[in-house]
Amino acid sequence: MHPRAVIADDEPLMRSQLRARLAEVWPELEIVAEARNGIEVVEQAAQLRPDLVFLDIRMPGKSGVEAAREIAALEPVDDAPLPEIVFVTAFDQYAIEAFEQGVVDYVLKPAERERLQVTVDRIRNRLAQRATQAGSGAAGAAHEALQQLLERLQGQLSGSTPGHLKWIQATVGQQIQMIPIDEVLFFVSDEKYTRVQTAQQEALIRKPIKELIAELDPNHFWQIHRSTLVNARAIAGVSRDFRGRQLVSIKGRPDKLEVSRSYSHLFRGM
């Protein structure tokens, strides 16, 4: 019988990429469901009883750690062991601690084939050991260690205030890339996507400007229009066109970004 898994991530592109990578390194693994948030994945784990669950740590509804705690607390069915937990995350400060405990595994976003292969090999070994541990104290001890670890991780998440974004997960062509936030010159949104512009490339994300505002350091990124955020350190100057509108020039680029009247006070005197 093939092993079965559930993938949980609020970004469809990240779920798609992980599914594709898993098909390469573990072709016999059956992905039985995908979840968009922590609430969905707990429901799917309770209903489908997969062998393992891939969880993004930061998800709406419930965090990946909260979801993992609820999954670990599910009532056993027919003595079947609870799923193995793998965190798929860009927040490695949490994942590395979990990994060092040897209770769960992790993969950093974006999921690279080589690192995922290491995780898959470990999970395969743990799944193979289940048969020999069935009904033994080892399985119970492992489950208790998992619950204790998840409780500590939850305490870290609850006791810390989320910092400003350090990375952006963005689509560049057919790939997903992690772009350091300091390299972003500006963000410009339309109805569906937000353009992420760096000195080297243009990328797209689905996160709207109003969400980015709450996640970016306001000392570094200024909103100059309802659809535009600009890295203050990338501003070369401000000019006016023949209609009197203020236009922001970007260092090393030909772009001219319009400043709406609501934000003209940022450049008063220019």
Foldseek 3Di string as FASTA:
>chain_A
DFFEEEEEALDPLLVVQVVVLCCVQPVSYHHPYYHNFLVVVLVCCQVVVGQAYEAEQDGPPHGRLRSLLSQLVHDDDPLDAGHAYEYEYQPVVLQVVVVVLVLHHYAYPPRDNVVVNVRVVSSVVVVVCCVVCRPHVVSVVSSVSSNVSSVVSVVVVVVDDDAADQWDFWDDPNDTDTHGPVQFFKWFDDDAWIWTDGLVDITIDRDAPVVNVVRHDCVQWPDQDNGMIGGPVQFPDWDADPVGWIWTDGPPDPDTHTGDPVRCVVVPPD
